[in-house]
C-alpha atoms as a PDB file:
ATOM      1  CA  UNK A   1       0.071   0.163  -0.210  1.00  0.00           C
ATOM      2  CA  UNK A   2       1.416   3.335  -0.706  1.00  0.00           C
ATOM      3  CA  UNK A   3       0.891   6.418   1.677  1.00  0.00           C
ATOM      4  CA  UNK A   4       0.344   9.513   0.452  1.00  0.00           C
ATOM      5  CA  UNK A   5       1.527  12.627   2.847  1.00  0.00           C
ATOM      6  CA  UNK A   6      -1.192  15.087   2.949  1.00  0.00           C
ATOM      7  CA  UNK A   7       1.612  18.034   2.465  1.00  0.00           C
ATOM      8  CA  UNK A   8       2.104  16.985  -1.081  1.00  0.00           C
ATOM      9  CA  UNK A   9      -1.179  18.762  -1.561  1.00  0.00           C
ATOM     10  CA  UNK A  10      -1.536  21.501   0.157  1.00  0.00           C
ATOM     11  CA  UNK A  11      -1.217  24.975  -2.310  1.00  0.00           C
ATOM     12  CA  UNK A  12       1.332  27.629  -1.638  1.00  0.00           C
ATOM     13  CA  UNK A  13       0.440  31.365  -0.922  1.00  0.00           C
ATOM     14  CA  UNK A  14       1.893  31.896  -4.622  1.00  0.00           C
ATOM     15  CA  UNK A  15      -0.138  28.589  -6.519  1.00  0.00           C
ATOM     16  CA  UNK A  16      -3.382  30.331  -5.119  1.00  0.00           C
ATOM     17  CA  UNK A  17      -2.443  34.094  -5.856  1.00  0.00           C
ATOM     18  CA  UNK A  18      -1.555  32.881  -9.693  1.00  0.00           C
ATOM     19  CA  UNK A  19      -4.712  30.924  -9.862  1.00  0.00           C
ATOM     20  CA  UNK A  20      -6.252  33.940  -7.848  1.00  0.00           C
ATOM     21  CA  UNK A  21      -4.468  36.280 -10.881  1.00  0.00           C
ATOM     22  CA  UNK A  22      -4.993  33.792 -13.950  1.00  0.00           C
ATOM     23  CA  UNK A  23      -9.434  33.868 -13.126  1.00  0.00           C
ATOM     24  CA  UNK A  24      -9.592  37.197 -12.977  1.00  0.00           C
ATOM     25  CA  UNK A  25      -7.942  37.961 -16.074  1.00  0.00           C
ATOM     26  CA  UNK A  26     -10.257  34.995 -18.144  1.00  0.00           C
ATOM     27  CA  UNK A  27     -12.875  36.886 -16.902  1.00  0.00           C
ATOM     28  CA  UNK A  28     -11.606  40.304 -18.569  1.00  0.00           C
ATOM     29  CA  UNK A  29     -11.013  38.552 -21.537  1.00  0.00           C
ATOM     30  CA  UNK A  30     -14.699  37.250 -21.691  1.00  0.00           C
ATOM     31  CA  UNK A  31     -16.323  40.835 -20.113  1.00  0.00           C
ATOM     32  CA  UNK A  32     -14.435  42.376 -23.181  1.00  0.00           C
ATOM     33  CA  UNK A  33     -15.004  39.959 -26.182  1.00  0.00           C
ATOM     34  CA  UNK A  34     -18.355  40.756 -24.870  1.00  0.00           C
ATOM     35  CA  UNK A  35     -18.154  44.386 -24.380  1.00  0.00           C
ATOM     36  CA  UNK A  36     -16.991  44.302 -28.526  1.00  0.00           C
ATOM     37  CA  UNK A  37     -19.487  42.725 -29.654  1.00  0.00           C
ATOM     38  CA  UNK A  38     -22.574  44.331 -27.958  1.00  0.00           C
ATOM     39  CA  UNK A  39     -22.850  47.175 -30.247  1.00  0.00           C
ATOM     40  CA  UNK A  40     -22.239  44.891 -33.062  1.00  0.00           C
ATOM     41  CA  UNK A  41     -25.167  42.845 -31.643  1.00  0.00           C
ATOM     42  CA  UNK A  42     -27.180  45.950 -30.831  1.00  0.00           C
ATOM     43  CA  UNK A  43     -27.065  47.497 -34.413  1.00  0.00           C
ATOM     44  CA  UNK A  44     -29.979  49.233 -35.224  1.00  0.00           C
ATOM     45  CA  UNK A  45     -29.938  50.307 -31.603  1.00  0.00           C
ATOM     46  CA  UNK A  46     -27.708  53.108 -32.257  1.00  0.00           C
ATOM     47  CA  UNK A  47     -29.340  54.236 -34.259  1.00  0.00           C
ATOM     48  CA  UNK A  48     -31.952  55.651 -32.211  1.00  0.00           C
ATOM     49  CA  UNK A  49     -35.131  57.564 -34.488  1.00  0.00           C
ATOM     50  CA  UNK A  50     -35.236  56.923 -38.448  1.00  0.00           C
ATOM     51  CA  UNK A  51     -38.084  58.150 -40.176  1.00  0.00           C
ATOM     52  CA  UNK A  52     -39.019  55.781 -43.540  1.00  0.00           C
ATOM     53  CA  UNK A  53     -40.690  56.796 -46.817  1.00  0.00           C
ATOM     54  CA  UNK A  54     -44.231  54.594 -47.120  1.00  0.00           C
ATOM     55  CA  UNK A  55     -45.964  55.058 -50.590  1.00  0.00           C
ATOM     56  CA  UNK A  56     -49.264  53.723 -50.893  1.00  0.00           C
ATOM     57  CA  UNK A  57     -48.881  51.600 -54.575  1.00  0.00           C
ATOM     58  CA  UNK A  58     -52.458  52.106 -55.729  1.00  0.00           C
ATOM     59  CA  UNK A  59     -52.986  56.136 -54.469  1.00  0.00           C
ATOM     60  CA  UNK A  60     -49.221  57.465 -54.939  1.00  0.00           C
ATOM     61  CA  UNK A  61     -48.982  58.784 -51.238  1.00  0.00           C
ATOM     62  CA  UNK A  62     -46.478  58.875 -49.364  1.00  0.00           C
ATOM     63  CA  UNK A  63     -45.881  59.874 -45.637  1.00  0.00           C
ATOM     64  CA  UNK A  64     -43.227  59.541 -43.233  1.00  0.00           C
ATOM     65  CA  UNK A  65     -43.015  56.838 -41.061  1.00  0.00           C
ATOM     66  CA  UNK A  66     -40.908  57.136 -37.641  1.00  0.00           C
ATOM     67  CA  UNK A  67     -39.003  54.356 -35.811  1.00  0.00           C
ATOM     68  CA  UNK A  68     -37.192  53.982 -32.552  1.00  0.00           C
ATOM     69  CA  UNK A  69     -34.898  51.971 -32.072  1.00  0.00           C
ATOM     70  CA  UNK A  70     -34.088  53.216 -28.630  1.00  0.00           C
ATOM     71  CA  UNK A  71     -37.673  53.406 -26.797  1.00  0.00           C
ATOM     72  CA  UNK A  72     -38.912  50.486 -29.439  1.00  0.00           C
ATOM     73  CA  UNK A  73     -41.756  52.546 -31.215  1.00  0.00           C
ATOM     74  CA  UNK A  74     -43.059  53.141 -33.926  1.00  0.00           C
ATOM     75  CA  UNK A  75     -44.607  56.528 -34.644  1.00  0.00           C
ATOM     76  CA  UNK A  76     -44.979  56.540 -30.557  1.00  0.00           C
ATOM     77  CA  UNK A  77     -46.399  53.293 -30.862  1.00  0.00           C
ATOM     78  CA  UNK A  78     -44.558  50.164 -28.365  1.00  0.00           C
ATOM     79  CA  UNK A  79     -43.157  47.735 -31.306  1.00  0.00           C
ATOM     80  CA  UNK A  80     -41.935  45.050 -31.755  1.00  0.00           C
ATOM     81  CA  UNK A  81     -38.117  44.898 -33.222  1.00  0.00           C
ATOM     82  CA  UNK A  82     -35.820  41.563 -35.642  1.00  0.00           C
ATOM     83  CA  UNK A  83     -33.855  40.995 -37.861  1.00  0.00           C
ATOM     84  CA  UNK A  84     -36.927  40.113 -40.088  1.00  0.00           C
ATOM     85  CA  UNK A  85     -39.608  42.615 -39.134  1.00  0.00           C
ATOM     86  CA  UNK A  86     -41.441  45.339 -37.206  1.00  0.00           C
ATOM     87  CA  UNK A  87     -44.449  44.605 -36.235  1.00  0.00           C
ATOM     88  CA  UNK A  88     -46.923  47.255 -33.787  1.00  0.00           C
ATOM     89  CA  UNK A  89     -50.509  47.971 -33.673  1.00  0.00           C
ATOM     90  CA  UNK A  90     -52.074  51.703 -32.980  1.00  0.00           C
ATOM     91  CA  UNK A  91     -54.807  51.820 -31.192  1.00  0.00           C
ATOM     92  CA  UNK A  92     -56.062  55.245 -33.378  1.00  0.00           C
ATOM     93  CA  UNK A  93     -57.058  53.059 -36.421  1.00  0.00           C
ATOM     94  CA  UNK A  94     -56.849  49.319 -35.039  1.00  0.00           C
ATOM     95  CA  UNK A  95     -54.384  48.436 -37.596  1.00  0.00           C
ATOM     96  CA  UNK A  96     -51.492  45.818 -36.727  1.00  0.00           C
ATOM     97  CA  UNK A  97     -48.994  46.747 -38.855  1.00  0.00           C
ATOM     98  CA  UNK A  98     -46.064  44.606 -39.996  1.00  0.00           C
ATOM     99  CA  UNK A  99     -42.757  45.965 -41.574  1.00  0.00           C
ATOM    100  CA  UNK A 100     -40.911  43.540 -43.638  1.00  0.00           C
ATOM    101  CA  UNK A 101     -36.800  45.294 -43.293  1.00  0.00           C
ATOM    102  CA  UNK A 102     -36.152  42.917 -45.988  1.00  0.00           C
ATOM    103  CA  UNK A 103     -38.278  43.959 -48.419  1.00  0.00           C
ATOM    104  CA  UNK A 104     -40.164  46.780 -47.073  1.00  0.00           C
ATOM    105  CA  UNK A 105     -43.477  45.604 -47.598  1.00  0.00           C
ATOM    106  CA  UNK A 106     -46.070  47.425 -45.059  1.00  0.00           C
ATOM    107  CA  UNK A 107     -48.865  45.259 -44.025  1.00  0.00           C
ATOM    108  CA  UNK A 108     -51.520  46.735 -42.387  1.00  0.00           C
ATOM    109  CA  UNK A 109     -54.477  44.456 -41.191  1.00  0.00           C
ATOM    110  CA  UNK A 110     -57.644  45.908 -39.644  1.00  0.00           C
ATOM    111  CA  UNK A 111     -60.180  43.846 -38.749  1.00  0.00           C
ATOM    112  CA  UNK A 112     -64.004  44.042 -38.087  1.00  0.00           C
ATOM    113  CA  UNK A 113     -66.898  42.565 -37.893  1.00  0.00           C
ATOM    114  CA  UNK A 114     -67.924  41.930 -41.324  1.00  0.00           C
ATOM    115  CA  UNK A 115     -64.015  40.686 -41.211  1.00  0.00           C
ATOM    116  CA  UNK A 116     -61.861  43.960 -42.210  1.00  0.00           C
ATOM    117  CA  UNK A 117     -58.894  44.184 -44.634  1.00  0.00           C
ATOM    118  CA  UNK A 118     -55.834  44.497 -45.961  1.00  0.00           C
ATOM    119  CA  UNK A 119     -53.755  47.375 -46.746  1.00  0.00           C
ATOM    120  CA  UNK A 120     -49.827  47.212 -48.554  1.00  0.00           C
ATOM    121  CA  UNK A 121     -47.976  49.308 -48.768  1.00  0.00           C
ATOM    122  CA  UNK A 122     -43.985  49.611 -50.588  1.00  0.00           C
ATOM    123  CA  UNK A 123     -41.504  51.531 -47.962  1.00  0.00           C
ATOM    124  CA  UNK A 124     -37.654  53.068 -49.084  1.00  0.00           C
ATOM    125  CA  UNK A 125     -35.399  51.559 -46.256  1.00  0.00           C
ATOM    126  CA  UNK A 126     -31.980  52.480 -46.174  1.00  0.00           C
ATOM    127  CA  UNK A 127     -29.073  49.853 -45.677  1.00  0.00           C
END
């Protein structure tokens, strides 16, 4: 039988300091990686408020749609903003709006007791 000495496995004070410094450095590197990536992940959050021009293809009427990425609003209404689309509900007209961020297609769905209707508009998006 082999008899191990308990002192053989004791960690010296120097080893504890080295281990603590190594752990701190690793945490700082990980935090630094997230700090560098955060602006890239935020993407649109850095834009603040922008105005997009939308047009009704049937009538040719144009108007400005304001998107505030910081507040998460579209025309001052709370909005769900993702990489693919921006959607919101406008309580003044009852419309549910969805803007496809890739194509610029703006779809409005208005519900009513007779079935409701859809409207399709085109918006000029910035790249």
